[in-house]
Structure formats: structure tokens, C-alpha cells
Amino acid sequence: MDNTLLVVIRSAPYQGVRLRESLDALLVGAAFGKPVVPLFMGQGVLALLPGQAPGAPGQKAALPIIEMLEMYDIDTLYLPAADAAARGLDGRDLIANTRLLDADAVKTLLHEAGQVLTF
């Protein structure tokens, strides 16, 4: 185990505040100098689709925040290839800086992280 904070994001855009909270956790961890890794799983994979607009009135789009994660040294956005395939997506359908992982690589991420937060 290392000092990495792994944030597992399972919430789809526009499905409440959980996606936004998970992005806040990433930003706070990075602001305190902690190595942070985002892992988008399940419906959270949909947050990586380009061209998202704001949701309901008062609900801002999460994509601009996701795209600025690189400024916080969060360079790669991980997701299980199986979760993308289950939604008919591949790497070409997603925003830049995404990396599809096989099941063993996902297990390794989960096993090696010092802390895991799930949203």
C-alpha cells in the first residue's frame, strides 16, 4: 500500500451531487499534495463523455471540472474497459486522458491504494 488516495466515482452526471462531491474529494486531496487517482466505474463512466451541458437549473456541468484535473497533476482518468464496453463505449468515445483498464489492473489499483473513497 502507498499514500495514494483512490476516488471511485460510480455516479452518472446529473444524478444528484455525488459526482460533484467525488470531484471535490479529488481536488482537495491534490491541493494537500496527496497523490490522487480517479477511477470511474459503472454509471460514472458516462461522466467522461464529451459535450456535456449543464443539467437542471442550478446544476453545473461536471465536465469542465474533470477537464481541469490535469492542472492538479491528475493526469490520467481510469475506467474499467468492461464498464465502458457495457455502455457501448470505447476510448474514442471518451474525453482525452482516459485509460481503459482490464479487470486485473482495476484490482491492482484498488489493492495498492492507501485510501479508497467511493462515491
Foldseek 3Di string as FASTA:
>chain_A
DDQEEEEEEADAPPPPCRNVVSLVVLQVCLVVVTHYAYEYEANSQNLFAPDDAADDVPGGRCNVSVVCVVVSVHQAHEYAQVNQVVVVHDPVRGDPRYDHDHPVVVVVVVVPHPHYHYD
